[in-house]
Amino acid sequence: MYSSKSESYSAVDANICENCRSATITHEETATTKGTGITYIVLGWLFFAISLLFVPIIFGAGAFLMGILTFNGRSQTHGVILMFFAAVSFILGSLYSFMVAGTMFI
């Protein structure tokens, strides 16, 4: 942590500067430390697109799972949006499959 009075860094979990005994400032978590990868997001949107045309049970569930992982690991807002669109793609993909082939497994 950084102390603005003595302009030094102190121990990681300390709330008081070792040099001047003043309160230290904790820095906010940076974007690089929280969920740096976008793998779940990219896979989620890819599964969403595929589930509209092919096997909506598997790819819709995959998109929903990627939404849950995004919600827990990176961005709650983006995770909720991805889960919503995964559910919509599951419904629309299923309807499309029934209309075209009469089954959900195309």
N, C-alpha and C. Protein backbone atom coordinates (compact mmCIF):
# COMPACT_ATOMS: atom_id res chain seq x y z
N MET A 1 0.83 -1.18 0.00
CA MET A 1 0.00 0.00 0.00
C MET A 1 0.88 1.24 0.00
N TYR A 2 0.34 2.32 -0.47
CA TYR A 2 1.11 3.54 -0.64
C TYR A 2 0.71 4.59 0.39
N SER A 3 1.70 5.18 1.03
CA SER A 3 1.47 6.26 1.99
C SER A 3 1.85 7.57 1.33
N SER A 4 0.90 8.51 1.30
CA SER A 4 1.18 9.78 0.63
C SER A 4 2.04 10.70 1.49
N LYS A 5 2.07 10.50 2.79
CA LYS A 5 2.89 11.35 3.65
C LYS A 5 4.37 11.06 3.47
N SER A 6 4.73 9.80 3.62
CA SER A 6 6.16 9.46 3.51
C SER A 6 6.54 9.03 2.10
N GLU A 7 5.58 8.98 1.21
CA GLU A 7 5.78 8.59 -0.19
C GLU A 7 6.53 7.27 -0.30
N SER A 8 6.05 6.28 0.44
CA SER A 8 6.66 4.96 0.39
C SER A 8 5.57 3.90 0.41
N TYR A 9 5.99 2.71 0.05
CA TYR A 9 5.08 1.57 0.08
C TYR A 9 5.32 0.78 1.35
N SER A 10 4.25 0.26 1.93
CA SER A 10 4.39 -0.54 3.15
C SER A 10 3.97 -1.97 2.87
N ALA A 11 3.90 -2.78 3.89
CA ALA A 11 3.53 -4.19 3.75
C ALA A 11 2.16 -4.32 3.08
N VAL A 12 1.93 -5.44 2.47
CA VAL A 12 0.74 -5.62 1.64
C VAL A 12 -0.56 -5.49 2.42
N ASP A 13 -0.69 -6.12 3.57
CA ASP A 13 -1.95 -6.11 4.30
C ASP A 13 -2.00 -5.10 5.45
N ALA A 14 -1.04 -4.21 5.53
CA ALA A 14 -1.00 -3.24 6.62
C ALA A 14 -1.89 -2.04 6.29
N ASN A 15 -2.49 -1.45 7.32
CA ASN A 15 -3.30 -0.25 7.15
C ASN A 15 -2.57 1.00 7.62
N ILE A 16 -1.40 0.84 8.23
CA ILE A 16 -0.64 1.97 8.76
C ILE A 16 0.77 1.89 8.19
N CYS A 17 1.28 3.03 7.75
CA CYS A 17 2.64 3.12 7.21
C CYS A 17 3.66 2.83 8.30
N GLU A 18 4.65 2.00 8.00
CA GLU A 18 5.67 1.66 8.99
C GLU A 18 6.59 2.84 9.29
N ASN A 19 6.77 3.76 8.34
CA ASN A 19 7.69 4.88 8.53
C ASN A 19 7.08 6.02 9.31
N CYS A 20 5.89 6.46 8.93
CA CYS A 20 5.31 7.67 9.53
C CYS A 20 4.05 7.41 10.36
N ARG A 21 3.58 6.19 10.44
CA ARG A 21 2.41 5.79 11.21
C ARG A 21 1.11 6.45 10.76
N SER A 22 1.01 6.82 9.50
CA SER A 22 -0.24 7.37 8.98
C SER A 22 -0.99 6.28 8.23
N ALA A 23 -2.27 6.51 7.99
CA ALA A 23 -3.10 5.54 7.28
C ALA A 23 -2.64 5.42 5.83
N THR A 24 -2.63 4.23 5.32
CA THR A 24 -2.22 4.01 3.94
C THR A 24 -3.44 3.93 3.04
N ILE A 25 -3.21 4.10 1.76
CA ILE A 25 -4.27 4.10 0.75
C ILE A 25 -4.18 2.79 -0.02
N THR A 26 -5.31 2.12 -0.15
CA THR A 26 -5.33 0.91 -0.97
C THR A 26 -5.74 1.29 -2.39
N HIS A 27 -5.06 0.74 -3.35
CA HIS A 27 -5.38 1.01 -4.74
C HIS A 27 -6.46 0.06 -5.21
N GLU A 28 -7.31 0.53 -6.10
CA GLU A 28 -8.38 -0.30 -6.65
C GLU A 28 -7.79 -1.39 -7.52
N GLU A 29 -8.54 -2.46 -7.65
CA GLU A 29 -8.13 -3.57 -8.50
C GLU A 29 -8.11 -3.12 -9.95
N THR A 30 -7.03 -3.38 -10.62
CA THR A 30 -6.91 -2.96 -12.01
C THR A 30 -7.60 -3.95 -12.94
N ALA A 31 -7.80 -3.54 -14.16
CA ALA A 31 -8.48 -4.39 -15.14
C ALA A 31 -7.64 -5.62 -15.47
N THR A 32 -6.32 -5.53 -15.33
CA THR A 32 -5.47 -6.67 -15.65
C THR A 32 -5.54 -7.76 -14.60
N THR A 33 -5.90 -7.41 -13.36
CA THR A 33 -5.97 -8.43 -12.33
C THR A 33 -7.32 -9.13 -12.30
N LYS A 34 -8.36 -8.53 -12.80
CA LYS A 34 -9.68 -9.15 -12.76
C LYS A 34 -10.08 -9.61 -14.16
N GLY A 35 -10.05 -10.89 -14.37
CA GLY A 35 -10.55 -11.48 -15.61
C GLY A 35 -9.89 -10.94 -16.86
N THR A 36 -8.62 -11.20 -17.03
CA THR A 36 -7.93 -10.64 -18.17
C THR A 36 -8.35 -11.27 -19.49
N GLY A 37 -8.72 -12.55 -19.47
CA GLY A 37 -9.04 -13.23 -20.70
C GLY A 37 -10.46 -12.98 -21.16
N ILE A 38 -10.65 -13.11 -22.46
CA ILE A 38 -11.99 -12.95 -23.02
C ILE A 38 -12.46 -14.25 -23.67
N THR A 39 -11.84 -15.34 -23.29
CA THR A 39 -12.16 -16.64 -23.89
C THR A 39 -13.62 -17.02 -23.68
N TYR A 40 -14.12 -16.86 -22.45
CA TYR A 40 -15.51 -17.22 -22.16
C TYR A 40 -16.48 -16.36 -22.97
N ILE A 41 -16.16 -15.10 -23.12
CA ILE A 41 -17.04 -14.19 -23.87
C ILE A 41 -17.08 -14.57 -25.34
N VAL A 42 -15.92 -14.80 -25.91
CA VAL A 42 -15.85 -15.15 -27.34
C VAL A 42 -16.54 -16.48 -27.59
N LEU A 43 -16.27 -17.47 -26.75
CA LEU A 43 -16.91 -18.78 -26.92
C LEU A 43 -18.42 -18.67 -26.71
N GLY A 44 -18.85 -17.86 -25.76
CA GLY A 44 -20.27 -17.69 -25.50
C GLY A 44 -21.00 -17.13 -26.70
N TRP A 45 -20.46 -16.08 -27.30
CA TRP A 45 -21.11 -15.48 -28.47
C TRP A 45 -21.02 -16.40 -29.69
N LEU A 46 -19.93 -17.16 -29.81
CA LEU A 46 -19.82 -18.12 -30.90
C LEU A 46 -20.86 -19.23 -30.74
N PHE A 47 -20.99 -19.76 -29.52
CA PHE A 47 -22.01 -20.79 -29.27
C PHE A 47 -23.41 -20.24 -29.49
N PHE A 48 -23.63 -18.99 -29.14
CA PHE A 48 -24.92 -18.34 -29.37
C PHE A 48 -25.26 -18.35 -30.86
N ALA A 49 -24.31 -17.94 -31.70
CA ALA A 49 -24.56 -17.88 -33.14
C ALA A 49 -24.79 -19.27 -33.72
N ILE A 50 -24.00 -20.23 -33.27
CA ILE A 50 -24.15 -21.59 -33.80
C ILE A 50 -25.48 -22.19 -33.37
N SER A 51 -25.92 -21.89 -32.13
CA SER A 51 -27.15 -22.50 -31.62
C SER A 51 -28.40 -22.04 -32.35
N LEU A 52 -28.32 -20.95 -33.09
CA LEU A 52 -29.46 -20.51 -33.88
C LEU A 52 -29.73 -21.44 -35.05
N LEU A 53 -28.69 -22.13 -35.53
CA LEU A 53 -28.85 -22.98 -36.71
C LEU A 53 -28.62 -24.47 -36.46
N PHE A 54 -27.71 -24.81 -35.55
CA PHE A 54 -27.34 -26.21 -35.35
C PHE A 54 -27.45 -26.61 -33.88
N VAL A 55 -28.08 -27.71 -33.60
CA VAL A 55 -28.18 -28.36 -32.30
C VAL A 55 -28.31 -27.34 -31.16
N PRO A 56 -29.47 -26.71 -31.07
CA PRO A 56 -29.64 -25.65 -30.06
C PRO A 56 -29.54 -26.16 -28.63
N ILE A 57 -29.79 -27.44 -28.39
CA ILE A 57 -29.69 -27.97 -27.03
C ILE A 57 -28.24 -27.88 -26.54
N ILE A 58 -27.32 -28.32 -27.35
CA ILE A 58 -25.91 -28.36 -26.94
C ILE A 58 -25.29 -26.96 -26.96
N PHE A 59 -25.41 -26.26 -28.10
CA PHE A 59 -24.75 -24.97 -28.23
C PHE A 59 -25.45 -23.88 -27.40
N GLY A 60 -26.76 -23.98 -27.23
CA GLY A 60 -27.46 -23.04 -26.36
C GLY A 60 -27.04 -23.20 -24.91
N ALA A 61 -26.92 -24.47 -24.50
CA ALA A 61 -26.44 -24.74 -23.14
C ALA A 61 -24.99 -24.30 -22.96
N GLY A 62 -24.18 -24.48 -24.01
CA GLY A 62 -22.79 -24.02 -23.95
C GLY A 62 -22.70 -22.51 -23.83
N ALA A 63 -23.54 -21.81 -24.59
CA ALA A 63 -23.55 -20.34 -24.50
C ALA A 63 -24.00 -19.89 -23.12
N PHE A 64 -24.99 -20.58 -22.56
CA PHE A 64 -25.47 -20.23 -21.22
C PHE A 64 -24.38 -20.48 -20.18
N LEU A 65 -23.66 -21.58 -20.31
CA LEU A 65 -22.56 -21.88 -19.40
C LEU A 65 -21.46 -20.82 -19.50
N MET A 66 -21.13 -20.41 -20.72
CA MET A 66 -20.12 -19.35 -20.89
C MET A 66 -20.61 -18.03 -20.27
N GLY A 67 -21.92 -17.80 -20.32
CA GLY A 67 -22.48 -16.61 -19.67
C GLY A 67 -22.32 -16.68 -18.16
N ILE A 68 -22.52 -17.86 -17.59
CA ILE A 68 -22.33 -18.03 -16.14
C ILE A 68 -20.87 -17.82 -15.77
N LEU A 69 -19.96 -18.39 -16.55
CA LEU A 69 -18.53 -18.21 -16.26
C LEU A 69 -18.10 -16.76 -16.42
N THR A 70 -18.67 -16.07 -17.41
CA THR A 70 -18.38 -14.65 -17.57
C THR A 70 -18.93 -13.86 -16.40
N PHE A 71 -20.12 -14.20 -15.95
CA PHE A 71 -20.74 -13.52 -14.81
C PHE A 71 -19.87 -13.66 -13.56
N ASN A 72 -19.34 -14.85 -13.32
CA ASN A 72 -18.54 -15.09 -12.13
C ASN A 72 -17.11 -14.57 -12.24
N GLY A 73 -16.54 -14.60 -13.43
CA GLY A 73 -15.12 -14.29 -13.55
C GLY A 73 -14.76 -12.93 -14.09
N ARG A 74 -15.61 -12.30 -14.86
CA ARG A 74 -15.20 -11.07 -15.52
C ARG A 74 -16.18 -9.93 -15.31
N SER A 75 -17.35 -10.02 -15.91
CA SER A 75 -18.30 -8.91 -15.87
C SER A 75 -19.70 -9.45 -15.62
N GLN A 76 -20.33 -9.00 -14.55
CA GLN A 76 -21.66 -9.48 -14.24
C GLN A 76 -22.67 -9.02 -15.30
N THR A 77 -22.55 -7.80 -15.75
CA THR A 77 -23.48 -7.28 -16.76
C THR A 77 -23.37 -8.06 -18.06
N HIS A 78 -22.15 -8.26 -18.53
CA HIS A 78 -21.96 -9.00 -19.78
C HIS A 78 -22.40 -10.45 -19.62
N GLY A 79 -22.18 -11.03 -18.45
CA GLY A 79 -22.63 -12.40 -18.21
C GLY A 79 -24.14 -12.54 -18.28
N VAL A 80 -24.87 -11.58 -17.70
CA VAL A 80 -26.34 -11.62 -17.73
C VAL A 80 -26.84 -11.46 -19.16
N ILE A 81 -26.23 -10.54 -19.91
CA ILE A 81 -26.63 -10.34 -21.31
C ILE A 81 -26.39 -11.61 -22.12
N LEU A 82 -25.25 -12.23 -21.91
CA LEU A 82 -24.93 -13.46 -22.64
C LEU A 82 -25.88 -14.59 -22.27
N MET A 83 -26.23 -14.71 -20.99
CA MET A 83 -27.18 -15.75 -20.57
C MET A 83 -28.57 -15.50 -21.16
N PHE A 84 -28.99 -14.24 -21.23
CA PHE A 84 -30.28 -13.92 -21.82
C PHE A 84 -30.32 -14.31 -23.29
N PHE A 85 -29.29 -13.91 -24.04
CA PHE A 85 -29.26 -14.24 -25.46
C PHE A 85 -29.10 -15.74 -25.69
N ALA A 86 -28.42 -16.44 -24.79
CA ALA A 86 -28.32 -17.90 -24.90
C ALA A 86 -29.68 -18.55 -24.76
N ALA A 87 -30.48 -18.06 -23.81
CA ALA A 87 -31.83 -18.60 -23.63
C ALA A 87 -32.70 -18.30 -24.85
N VAL A 88 -32.59 -17.09 -25.38
CA VAL A 88 -33.35 -16.72 -26.58
C VAL A 88 -32.93 -17.57 -27.77
N SER A 89 -31.62 -17.78 -27.93
CA SER A 89 -31.14 -18.59 -29.06
C SER A 89 -31.58 -20.04 -28.92
N PHE A 90 -31.66 -20.53 -27.70
CA PHE A 90 -32.15 -21.89 -27.49
C PHE A 90 -33.60 -22.01 -27.96
N ILE A 91 -34.42 -21.04 -27.61
CA ILE A 91 -35.84 -21.07 -28.01
C ILE A 91 -35.98 -20.89 -29.52
N LEU A 92 -35.31 -19.88 -30.07
CA LEU A 92 -35.41 -19.63 -31.52
C LEU A 92 -34.80 -20.77 -32.34
N GLY A 93 -33.66 -21.29 -31.89
CA GLY A 93 -33.04 -22.41 -32.58
C GLY A 93 -33.92 -23.65 -32.56
N SER A 94 -34.59 -23.89 -31.44
CA SER A 94 -35.49 -25.03 -31.34
C SER A 94 -36.68 -24.87 -32.27
N LEU A 95 -37.27 -23.68 -32.31
CA LEU A 95 -38.38 -23.42 -33.22
C LEU A 95 -37.96 -23.58 -34.68
N TYR A 96 -36.79 -23.07 -35.02
CA TYR A 96 -36.28 -23.20 -36.38
C TYR A 96 -36.07 -24.68 -36.73
N SER A 97 -35.52 -25.45 -35.80
CA SER A 97 -35.30 -26.88 -36.04
C SER A 97 -36.60 -27.62 -36.25
N PHE A 98 -37.61 -27.30 -35.44
CA PHE A 98 -38.92 -27.94 -35.62
C PHE A 98 -39.53 -27.59 -36.97
N MET A 99 -39.39 -26.34 -37.39
CA MET A 99 -39.98 -25.93 -38.68
C MET A 99 -39.26 -26.57 -39.85
N VAL A 100 -37.95 -26.67 -39.79
CA VAL A 100 -37.19 -27.16 -40.94
C VAL A 100 -37.16 -28.68 -40.98
N ALA A 101 -36.81 -29.32 -39.86
CA ALA A 101 -36.58 -30.76 -39.90
C ALA A 101 -37.57 -31.56 -39.06
N GLY A 102 -38.35 -30.91 -38.24
CA GLY A 102 -39.28 -31.64 -37.41
C GLY A 102 -38.64 -32.23 -36.17
N THR A 103 -37.40 -31.87 -35.89
CA THR A 103 -36.70 -32.36 -34.71
C THR A 103 -35.75 -31.27 -34.21
N MET A 104 -35.26 -31.43 -32.99
CA MET A 104 -34.35 -30.43 -32.44
C MET A 104 -32.90 -30.73 -32.76
N PHE A 105 -32.63 -31.82 -33.44
CA PHE A 105 -31.25 -32.26 -33.63
C PHE A 105 -30.77 -32.10 -35.08
N ILE A 106 -30.77 -30.87 -35.58
CA ILE A 106 -30.17 -30.66 -36.90
C ILE A 106 -28.91 -29.86 -36.74
